[in-house]
C-alpha cells in the first residue's frame, strides 16, 4: 500500500511539473548603450528567458518594446511599427512603418547591427533586409550583411 501511494505521489509530481513548466531558451537582445564610448562597444547584450518556440514576429515585438536593462537605449524609433517580417533562404526581411526612416547618420548602422546581432543567428539567417514603408534602407542592409560575413568567416 505504501509503495502504491509513493508511486502515485511521484507520478502526480511528475505530471504537475510537466504541465506547469514551458521550455525556455536564454535569448539575447542587443541594444546600444547610452554610455558607449568606442565603436566596438555599441552592441550590449540583454538576456531574457523566453519560450523556445516563440515566432519571429513575437520576438520582434518584444525587441521593439525596448530594453529593460538600465543604461541601454532603444535602437529604433518608439513609434516605428512592424508591418511584416519573413525569413526565406537565409534572408530575414523586416518591414517597418515610415517612422523607421527617421533614423539617420550613425544611428542607422547601429540599429541594423543590433537587429542583425539579435536575430540572424537565432533564425540561422545570413542577411538582414530593412525597409521603411516599402523603401529599402540600403546602408542598413549592407551593414547587416557585412556583419554576418565577418561572423561567418573571421570568428571561430
N, C-alpha and C. Protein backbone atom coordinates (compact mmCIF):
# COMPACT_ATOMS: atom_id res chain seq x y z
N UNK A 1 0.82 -1.20 0.00
CA UNK A 1 0.00 0.00 0.00
C UNK A 1 0.87 1.26 0.00
N UNK A 2 1.92 1.24 0.86
CA UNK A 2 2.81 2.40 0.91
C UNK A 2 3.50 2.60 -0.43
N UNK A 3 3.86 1.49 -1.06
CA UNK A 3 4.54 1.57 -2.35
C UNK A 3 3.61 2.21 -3.38
N UNK A 4 2.35 1.83 -3.39
CA UNK A 4 1.37 2.38 -4.33
C UNK A 4 1.18 3.88 -4.09
N UNK A 5 1.07 4.29 -2.85
CA UNK A 5 0.92 5.71 -2.53
C UNK A 5 2.16 6.51 -2.95
N UNK A 6 3.33 5.92 -2.72
CA UNK A 6 4.57 6.59 -3.11
C UNK A 6 4.64 6.75 -4.63
N UNK A 7 4.25 5.72 -5.36
CA UNK A 7 4.25 5.78 -6.83
C UNK A 7 3.26 6.83 -7.32
N UNK A 8 2.07 6.88 -6.71
CA UNK A 8 1.08 7.88 -7.10
C UNK A 8 1.57 9.30 -6.79
N UNK A 9 2.22 9.47 -5.67
CA UNK A 9 2.77 10.77 -5.32
C UNK A 9 3.84 11.20 -6.33
N UNK A 10 4.74 10.30 -6.68
CA UNK A 10 5.79 10.61 -7.67
C UNK A 10 5.18 10.92 -9.03
N UNK A 11 4.18 10.14 -9.43
CA UNK A 11 3.53 10.35 -10.71
C UNK A 11 2.82 11.71 -10.74
N UNK A 12 2.14 12.05 -9.65
CA UNK A 12 1.45 13.34 -9.62
C UNK A 12 2.44 14.50 -9.65
N UNK A 13 3.59 14.36 -8.99
CA UNK A 13 4.61 15.41 -9.03
C UNK A 13 5.17 15.56 -10.43
N UNK A 14 5.40 14.43 -11.09
CA UNK A 14 5.94 14.46 -12.45
C UNK A 14 4.94 15.11 -13.40
N UNK A 15 3.68 14.73 -13.31
CA UNK A 15 2.66 15.31 -14.19
C UNK A 15 2.46 16.79 -13.92
N UNK A 16 2.50 17.19 -12.68
CA UNK A 16 2.35 18.60 -12.33
C UNK A 16 3.51 19.40 -12.88
N UNK A 17 4.71 18.87 -12.74
CA UNK A 17 5.89 19.58 -13.25
C UNK A 17 5.83 19.73 -14.76
N UNK A 18 5.38 18.70 -15.45
CA UNK A 18 5.29 18.76 -16.91
C UNK A 18 4.24 19.76 -17.36
N UNK A 19 3.16 19.85 -16.62
CA UNK A 19 2.08 20.74 -17.03
C UNK A 19 2.40 22.21 -16.77
N UNK A 20 3.15 22.48 -15.72
CA UNK A 20 3.40 23.85 -15.32
C UNK A 20 4.54 24.50 -16.11
N UNK A 21 5.60 23.75 -16.36
CA UNK A 21 6.77 24.36 -16.98
C UNK A 21 6.63 24.40 -18.50
N UNK A 22 7.16 25.44 -19.06
CA UNK A 22 7.21 25.58 -20.51
C UNK A 22 8.68 25.73 -20.88
N UNK A 23 9.14 25.02 -21.91
CA UNK A 23 10.56 25.11 -22.23
C UNK A 23 10.95 26.55 -22.57
N UNK A 24 12.06 26.98 -22.02
CA UNK A 24 12.53 28.33 -22.29
C UNK A 24 13.94 28.28 -22.85
N UNK A 25 14.33 29.35 -23.49
CA UNK A 25 15.68 29.50 -24.01
C UNK A 25 16.20 30.83 -23.53
N UNK A 26 17.49 30.90 -23.36
CA UNK A 26 18.12 32.16 -23.00
C UNK A 26 18.32 32.94 -24.28
N UNK A 27 17.49 33.93 -24.51
CA UNK A 27 17.63 34.77 -25.68
C UNK A 27 18.38 36.02 -25.31
N UNK A 28 19.11 36.53 -26.27
CA UNK A 28 19.87 37.75 -26.05
C UNK A 28 19.42 38.78 -27.08
N UNK A 29 18.98 39.92 -26.58
CA UNK A 29 18.65 41.05 -27.43
C UNK A 29 19.81 42.04 -27.31
N UNK A 30 20.16 42.66 -28.40
CA UNK A 30 21.25 43.64 -28.39
C UNK A 30 20.70 45.04 -28.61
N UNK A 31 21.16 45.95 -27.78
CA UNK A 31 20.77 47.35 -27.85
C UNK A 31 22.02 48.22 -27.69
N UNK A 32 21.96 49.45 -28.17
CA UNK A 32 23.08 50.36 -27.91
C UNK A 32 23.05 50.84 -26.46
N UNK A 33 24.21 51.20 -25.97
CA UNK A 33 24.31 51.72 -24.61
C UNK A 33 24.38 53.23 -24.63
N UNK A 34 23.78 53.85 -23.67
CA UNK A 34 23.87 55.31 -23.56
C UNK A 34 25.26 55.73 -23.12
N UNK A 35 26.06 54.77 -22.67
CA UNK A 35 27.41 55.07 -22.18
C UNK A 35 28.50 54.60 -23.12
N UNK A 36 28.14 54.18 -24.35
CA UNK A 36 29.14 53.66 -25.30
C UNK A 36 30.14 54.76 -25.66
N UNK A 37 31.40 54.45 -25.53
CA UNK A 37 32.44 55.44 -25.81
C UNK A 37 33.27 55.08 -27.04
N UNK A 38 33.20 53.84 -27.48
CA UNK A 38 34.00 53.44 -28.63
C UNK A 38 33.17 52.58 -29.57
N UNK A 39 33.60 52.51 -30.82
CA UNK A 39 32.81 51.86 -31.87
C UNK A 39 32.59 50.37 -31.60
N UNK A 40 33.54 49.69 -30.95
CA UNK A 40 33.39 48.25 -30.76
C UNK A 40 32.51 47.91 -29.56
N UNK A 41 31.97 48.91 -28.90
CA UNK A 41 31.13 48.62 -27.73
C UNK A 41 29.72 49.19 -27.90
N UNK A 42 29.24 49.23 -29.14
CA UNK A 42 27.90 49.75 -29.39
C UNK A 42 26.81 48.74 -29.03
N UNK A 43 27.06 47.45 -29.19
CA UNK A 43 26.03 46.44 -29.02
C UNK A 43 26.18 45.76 -27.67
N UNK A 44 25.22 46.04 -26.80
CA UNK A 44 25.25 45.46 -25.46
C UNK A 44 24.16 44.40 -25.33
N UNK A 45 24.49 43.24 -24.77
CA UNK A 45 23.51 42.16 -24.64
C UNK A 45 22.56 42.36 -23.47
N UNK A 46 21.33 41.92 -23.69
CA UNK A 46 20.33 41.88 -22.63
C UNK A 46 19.69 40.49 -22.69
N UNK A 47 19.91 39.69 -21.66
CA UNK A 47 19.39 38.32 -21.63
C UNK A 47 17.95 38.30 -21.17
N UNK A 48 17.18 37.44 -21.81
CA UNK A 48 15.78 37.25 -21.43
C UNK A 48 15.43 35.77 -21.53
N UNK A 49 14.60 35.32 -20.61
CA UNK A 49 14.09 33.94 -20.65
C UNK A 49 12.81 33.95 -21.47
N UNK A 50 12.81 33.25 -22.59
CA UNK A 50 11.66 33.23 -23.48
C UNK A 50 11.35 31.81 -23.91
N UNK A 51 10.10 31.53 -24.28
CA UNK A 51 9.77 30.19 -24.79
C UNK A 51 10.59 29.87 -26.04
N UNK A 52 11.02 28.62 -26.16
CA UNK A 52 11.85 28.20 -27.30
C UNK A 52 11.11 28.32 -28.62
N UNK A 53 9.82 28.11 -28.60
CA UNK A 53 9.06 28.08 -29.85
C UNK A 53 8.47 29.44 -30.23
N UNK A 54 8.99 30.51 -29.67
CA UNK A 54 8.46 31.84 -29.95
C UNK A 54 8.73 32.21 -31.41
N UNK A 55 7.71 32.69 -32.08
CA UNK A 55 7.81 33.03 -33.50
C UNK A 55 8.59 34.32 -33.71
N UNK A 56 9.08 34.50 -34.93
CA UNK A 56 9.85 35.68 -35.29
C UNK A 56 9.09 36.97 -34.98
N UNK A 57 7.83 37.05 -35.38
CA UNK A 57 7.05 38.27 -35.17
C UNK A 57 6.93 38.60 -33.68
N UNK A 58 6.69 37.57 -32.86
CA UNK A 58 6.56 37.78 -31.41
C UNK A 58 7.88 38.29 -30.80
N UNK A 59 8.99 37.69 -31.23
CA UNK A 59 10.29 38.13 -30.73
C UNK A 59 10.58 39.57 -31.17
N UNK A 60 10.24 39.87 -32.40
CA UNK A 60 10.46 41.22 -32.92
C UNK A 60 9.61 42.24 -32.14
N UNK A 61 8.38 41.85 -31.80
CA UNK A 61 7.53 42.73 -30.99
C UNK A 61 8.17 43.01 -29.63
N UNK A 62 8.69 41.96 -29.00
CA UNK A 62 9.36 42.13 -27.70
C UNK A 62 10.58 43.03 -27.84
N UNK A 63 11.35 42.81 -28.92
CA UNK A 63 12.53 43.64 -29.15
C UNK A 63 12.13 45.11 -29.31
N UNK A 64 11.08 45.34 -30.06
CA UNK A 64 10.62 46.70 -30.33
C UNK A 64 10.05 47.38 -29.09
N UNK A 65 9.69 46.62 -28.07
CA UNK A 65 9.24 47.21 -26.81
C UNK A 65 10.39 47.91 -26.09
N UNK A 66 11.61 47.59 -26.48
CA UNK A 66 12.79 48.25 -25.92
C UNK A 66 13.42 47.47 -24.79
N UNK A 67 14.60 47.90 -24.39
CA UNK A 67 15.34 47.20 -23.33
C UNK A 67 14.73 47.44 -21.96
N UNK A 68 14.97 46.49 -21.07
CA UNK A 68 14.55 46.63 -19.68
C UNK A 68 15.74 46.91 -18.77
N UNK A 69 16.94 46.76 -19.30
CA UNK A 69 18.16 46.97 -18.53
C UNK A 69 18.51 48.46 -18.50
N UNK A 70 18.72 49.01 -17.31
CA UNK A 70 19.13 50.43 -17.22
C UNK A 70 20.44 50.66 -17.97
N UNK A 71 20.54 51.80 -18.65
CA UNK A 71 21.74 52.15 -19.38
C UNK A 71 21.71 51.75 -20.85
N UNK A 72 20.72 50.93 -21.23
CA UNK A 72 20.58 50.56 -22.64
C UNK A 72 19.50 51.42 -23.27
N UNK A 73 19.68 51.72 -24.55
CA UNK A 73 18.74 52.57 -25.27
C UNK A 73 18.04 51.77 -26.35
N UNK A 74 16.92 52.26 -26.77
CA UNK A 74 16.20 51.65 -27.88
C UNK A 74 16.93 51.99 -29.17
N UNK A 75 17.10 51.02 -30.05
CA UNK A 75 17.81 51.29 -31.31
C UNK A 75 16.86 51.74 -32.41
N UNK A 76 15.55 51.64 -32.18
CA UNK A 76 14.56 52.01 -33.18
C UNK A 76 13.69 53.15 -32.65
N UNK A 77 13.12 53.95 -33.55
CA UNK A 77 12.18 54.98 -33.07
C UNK A 77 11.00 54.33 -32.35
N UNK A 78 10.56 54.93 -31.27
CA UNK A 78 9.48 54.36 -30.46
C UNK A 78 8.19 54.19 -31.24
N UNK A 79 7.95 55.06 -32.23
CA UNK A 79 6.70 54.98 -32.97
C UNK A 79 6.79 54.13 -34.25
N UNK A 80 7.94 53.51 -34.49
CA UNK A 80 8.08 52.62 -35.66
C UNK A 80 7.29 51.34 -35.41
N UNK A 81 6.43 50.98 -36.35
CA UNK A 81 5.61 49.78 -36.21
C UNK A 81 6.08 48.70 -37.17
N UNK A 82 5.95 47.46 -36.75
CA UNK A 82 6.29 46.33 -37.61
C UNK A 82 5.11 46.09 -38.56
N UNK A 83 5.38 46.18 -39.84
CA UNK A 83 4.33 45.90 -40.82
C UNK A 83 4.29 44.42 -41.17
N UNK A 84 5.48 43.82 -41.33
CA UNK A 84 5.57 42.39 -41.58
C UNK A 84 7.01 41.95 -41.41
N UNK A 85 7.20 40.65 -41.33
CA UNK A 85 8.54 40.08 -41.28
C UNK A 85 8.50 38.70 -41.90
N UNK A 86 9.62 38.30 -42.50
CA UNK A 86 9.68 36.99 -43.14
C UNK A 86 11.12 36.49 -43.15
N UNK A 87 11.24 35.18 -43.28
CA UNK A 87 12.54 34.53 -43.37
C UNK A 87 12.46 33.53 -44.50
N UNK A 88 13.31 33.72 -45.50
CA UNK A 88 13.31 32.82 -46.64
C UNK A 88 14.73 32.70 -47.19
N UNK A 89 15.21 31.48 -47.31
CA UNK A 89 16.54 31.20 -47.86
C UNK A 89 17.64 31.99 -47.16
N UNK A 90 17.56 32.10 -45.86
CA UNK A 90 18.59 32.78 -45.08
C UNK A 90 18.51 34.30 -45.09
N UNK A 91 17.47 34.85 -45.72
CA UNK A 91 17.29 36.30 -45.77
C UNK A 91 16.15 36.68 -44.84
N UNK A 92 16.48 37.48 -43.84
CA UNK A 92 15.49 37.94 -42.87
C UNK A 92 15.03 39.33 -43.30
N UNK A 93 13.76 39.47 -43.62
CA UNK A 93 13.21 40.75 -44.08
C UNK A 93 12.31 41.31 -43.00
N UNK A 94 12.63 42.53 -42.56
CA UNK A 94 11.85 43.21 -41.55
C UNK A 94 11.29 44.48 -42.16
N UNK A 95 9.98 44.56 -42.24
CA UNK A 95 9.30 45.70 -42.87
C UNK A 95 8.64 46.54 -41.79
N UNK A 96 9.08 47.79 -41.68
CA UNK A 96 8.59 48.71 -40.67
C UNK A 96 7.80 49.84 -41.32
N UNK A 97 7.10 50.59 -40.49
CA UNK A 97 6.38 51.78 -40.94
C UNK A 97 7.40 52.88 -41.30
N UNK A 98 6.90 53.95 -41.89
CA UNK A 98 7.76 55.05 -42.36
C UNK A 98 8.59 55.68 -41.26
N UNK A 99 8.17 55.56 -40.02
CA UNK A 99 8.91 56.16 -38.90
C UNK A 99 10.34 55.63 -38.78
N UNK A 100 10.58 54.42 -39.29
CA UNK A 100 11.94 53.88 -39.23
C UNK A 100 12.91 54.73 -40.04
N UNK A 101 12.42 55.38 -41.09
CA UNK A 101 13.30 56.21 -41.93
C UNK A 101 13.73 57.50 -41.22
N UNK A 102 13.20 57.76 -40.03
CA UNK A 102 13.61 58.94 -39.26
C UNK A 102 15.03 58.82 -38.73
N UNK A 103 15.51 57.59 -38.57
CA UNK A 103 16.87 57.44 -38.06
C UNK A 103 17.86 57.60 -39.21
N UNK A 104 18.96 58.26 -38.90
CA UNK A 104 19.96 58.52 -39.94
C UNK A 104 21.32 58.62 -39.28
N UNK A 105 22.32 58.93 -40.09
CA UNK A 105 23.67 59.05 -39.57
C UNK A 105 24.14 57.73 -38.99
N UNK A 106 24.83 57.80 -37.87
CA UNK A 106 25.37 56.60 -37.24
C UNK A 106 24.27 55.75 -36.60
N UNK A 107 23.10 56.33 -36.33
CA UNK A 107 22.01 55.58 -35.71
C UNK A 107 21.51 54.44 -36.59
N UNK A 108 21.53 54.64 -37.92
CA UNK A 108 21.02 53.61 -38.83
C UNK A 108 21.89 52.34 -38.81
N UNK A 109 23.21 52.44 -38.98
CA UNK A 109 24.01 51.21 -38.90
C UNK A 109 24.01 50.60 -37.51
N UNK A 110 23.89 51.41 -36.47
CA UNK A 110 23.82 50.87 -35.11
C UNK A 110 22.53 50.06 -34.95
N UNK A 111 21.40 50.61 -35.41
CA UNK A 111 20.12 49.89 -35.33
C UNK A 111 20.19 48.60 -36.14
N UNK A 112 20.74 48.68 -37.35
CA UNK A 112 20.86 47.48 -38.20
C UNK A 112 21.77 46.44 -37.55
N UNK A 113 22.86 46.90 -36.96
CA UNK A 113 23.78 45.98 -36.29
C UNK A 113 23.14 45.30 -35.10
N UNK A 114 22.38 46.05 -34.31
CA UNK A 114 21.68 45.48 -33.16
C UNK A 114 20.66 44.43 -33.60
N UNK A 115 19.90 44.75 -34.65
CA UNK A 115 18.91 43.79 -35.16
C UNK A 115 19.61 42.55 -35.72
N UNK A 116 20.70 42.75 -36.46
CA UNK A 116 21.43 41.61 -37.03
C UNK A 116 21.99 40.74 -35.91
N UNK A 117 22.61 41.36 -34.93
CA UNK A 117 23.20 40.62 -33.82
C UNK A 117 22.12 39.83 -33.06
N UNK A 118 20.95 40.41 -32.93
CA UNK A 118 19.87 39.78 -32.17
C UNK A 118 19.20 38.64 -32.93
N UNK A 119 18.94 38.82 -34.24
CA UNK A 119 18.06 37.89 -34.94
C UNK A 119 18.73 36.94 -35.94
N UNK A 120 19.85 37.30 -36.54
CA UNK A 120 20.41 36.46 -37.61
C UNK A 120 20.79 35.07 -37.12
N UNK A 121 21.55 35.00 -36.05
CA UNK A 121 21.99 33.69 -35.58
C UNK A 121 20.82 32.83 -35.08
N UNK A 122 19.93 33.43 -34.35
CA UNK A 122 18.80 32.67 -33.81
C UNK A 122 17.99 31.99 -34.90
N UNK A 123 17.81 32.68 -36.03
CA UNK A 123 16.99 32.13 -37.11
C UNK A 123 17.84 31.58 -38.26
N UNK A 124 19.13 31.38 -38.00
CA UNK A 124 20.05 30.79 -38.98
C UNK A 124 19.98 31.54 -40.32
N UNK A 125 19.99 32.86 -40.23
CA UNK A 125 19.94 33.71 -41.43
C UNK A 125 21.32 34.33 -41.64
N UNK A 126 21.58 34.78 -42.86
CA UNK A 126 22.86 35.40 -43.16
C UNK A 126 22.73 36.85 -43.63
N UNK A 127 21.52 37.28 -43.95
CA UNK A 127 21.32 38.63 -44.46
C UNK A 127 20.07 39.24 -43.82
N UNK A 128 20.18 40.50 -43.44
CA UNK A 128 19.06 41.25 -42.89
C UNK A 128 18.69 42.35 -43.87
N UNK A 129 17.42 42.44 -44.21
CA UNK A 129 16.92 43.48 -45.10
C UNK A 129 15.90 44.30 -44.30
N UNK A 130 16.13 45.61 -44.22
CA UNK A 130 15.22 46.51 -43.51
C UNK A 130 14.53 47.42 -44.51
N UNK A 131 13.23 47.58 -44.34
CA UNK A 131 12.51 48.55 -45.17
C UNK A 131 11.67 49.44 -44.26
N UNK A 132 11.49 50.67 -44.73
CA UNK A 132 10.62 51.63 -44.05
C UNK A 132 9.54 52.00 -45.05
N UNK A 133 8.32 51.51 -44.80
CA UNK A 133 7.18 51.75 -45.69
C UNK A 133 7.52 51.39 -47.14
N UNK A 134 8.18 50.22 -47.30
CA UNK A 134 8.50 49.72 -48.63
C UNK A 134 9.80 50.22 -49.21
N UNK A 135 10.45 51.20 -48.58
CA UNK A 135 11.71 51.73 -49.08
C UNK A 135 12.87 50.99 -48.42
N UNK A 136 13.72 50.39 -49.23
CA UNK A 136 14.87 49.65 -48.72
C UNK A 136 15.86 50.60 -48.07
N UNK A 137 16.26 50.29 -46.86
CA UNK A 137 17.29 51.05 -46.18
C UNK A 137 18.63 50.40 -46.54
N UNK A 138 19.19 50.81 -47.66
CA UNK A 138 20.35 50.12 -48.25
C UNK A 138 21.55 50.09 -47.32
N UNK A 139 21.85 51.19 -46.69
CA UNK A 139 23.01 51.21 -45.82
C UNK A 139 22.84 50.21 -44.67
N UNK A 140 21.64 50.15 -44.14
CA UNK A 140 21.38 49.22 -43.03
C UNK A 140 21.54 47.78 -43.49
N UNK A 141 21.02 47.46 -44.69
CA UNK A 141 21.14 46.10 -45.21
C UNK A 141 22.60 45.75 -45.45
N UNK A 142 23.37 46.69 -45.98
CA UNK A 142 24.78 46.45 -46.24
C UNK A 142 25.54 46.20 -44.94
N UNK A 143 25.31 47.00 -43.94
CA UNK A 143 25.99 46.83 -42.65
C UNK A 143 25.64 45.47 -42.04
N UNK A 144 24.38 45.10 -42.07
CA UNK A 144 23.96 43.82 -41.50
C UNK A 144 24.58 42.66 -42.27
N UNK A 145 24.67 42.76 -43.59
CA UNK A 145 25.26 41.69 -44.40
C UNK A 145 26.75 41.58 -44.12
N UNK A 146 27.44 42.72 -44.04
CA UNK A 146 28.86 42.70 -43.73
C UNK A 146 29.08 42.08 -42.36
N UNK A 147 28.23 42.43 -41.41
CA UNK A 147 28.32 41.87 -40.06
C UNK A 147 28.22 40.35 -40.10
N UNK A 148 27.29 39.82 -40.87
CA UNK A 148 27.12 38.37 -40.93
C UNK A 148 28.31 37.72 -41.63
N UNK A 149 28.87 38.36 -42.65
CA UNK A 149 30.04 37.81 -43.33
C UNK A 149 31.24 37.75 -42.40
N UNK A 150 31.43 38.79 -41.62
CA UNK A 150 32.54 38.82 -40.67
C UNK A 150 32.38 37.70 -39.65
N UNK A 151 31.19 37.53 -39.11
CA UNK A 151 30.96 36.46 -38.13
C UNK A 151 31.18 35.09 -38.76
N UNK A 152 30.72 34.88 -39.99
CA UNK A 152 30.83 33.58 -40.64
C UNK A 152 32.27 33.22 -40.98
N UNK A 153 33.08 34.20 -41.35
CA UNK A 153 34.39 33.89 -41.89
C UNK A 153 35.57 34.25 -41.01
N UNK A 154 35.39 35.11 -40.04
CA UNK A 154 36.52 35.52 -39.23
C UNK A 154 36.49 35.01 -37.80
N UNK A 155 35.32 34.66 -37.33
CA UNK A 155 35.23 34.17 -35.95
C UNK A 155 35.23 32.65 -35.93
N UNK A 156 35.86 32.06 -34.93
CA UNK A 156 35.90 30.58 -34.84
C UNK A 156 34.56 29.99 -34.58
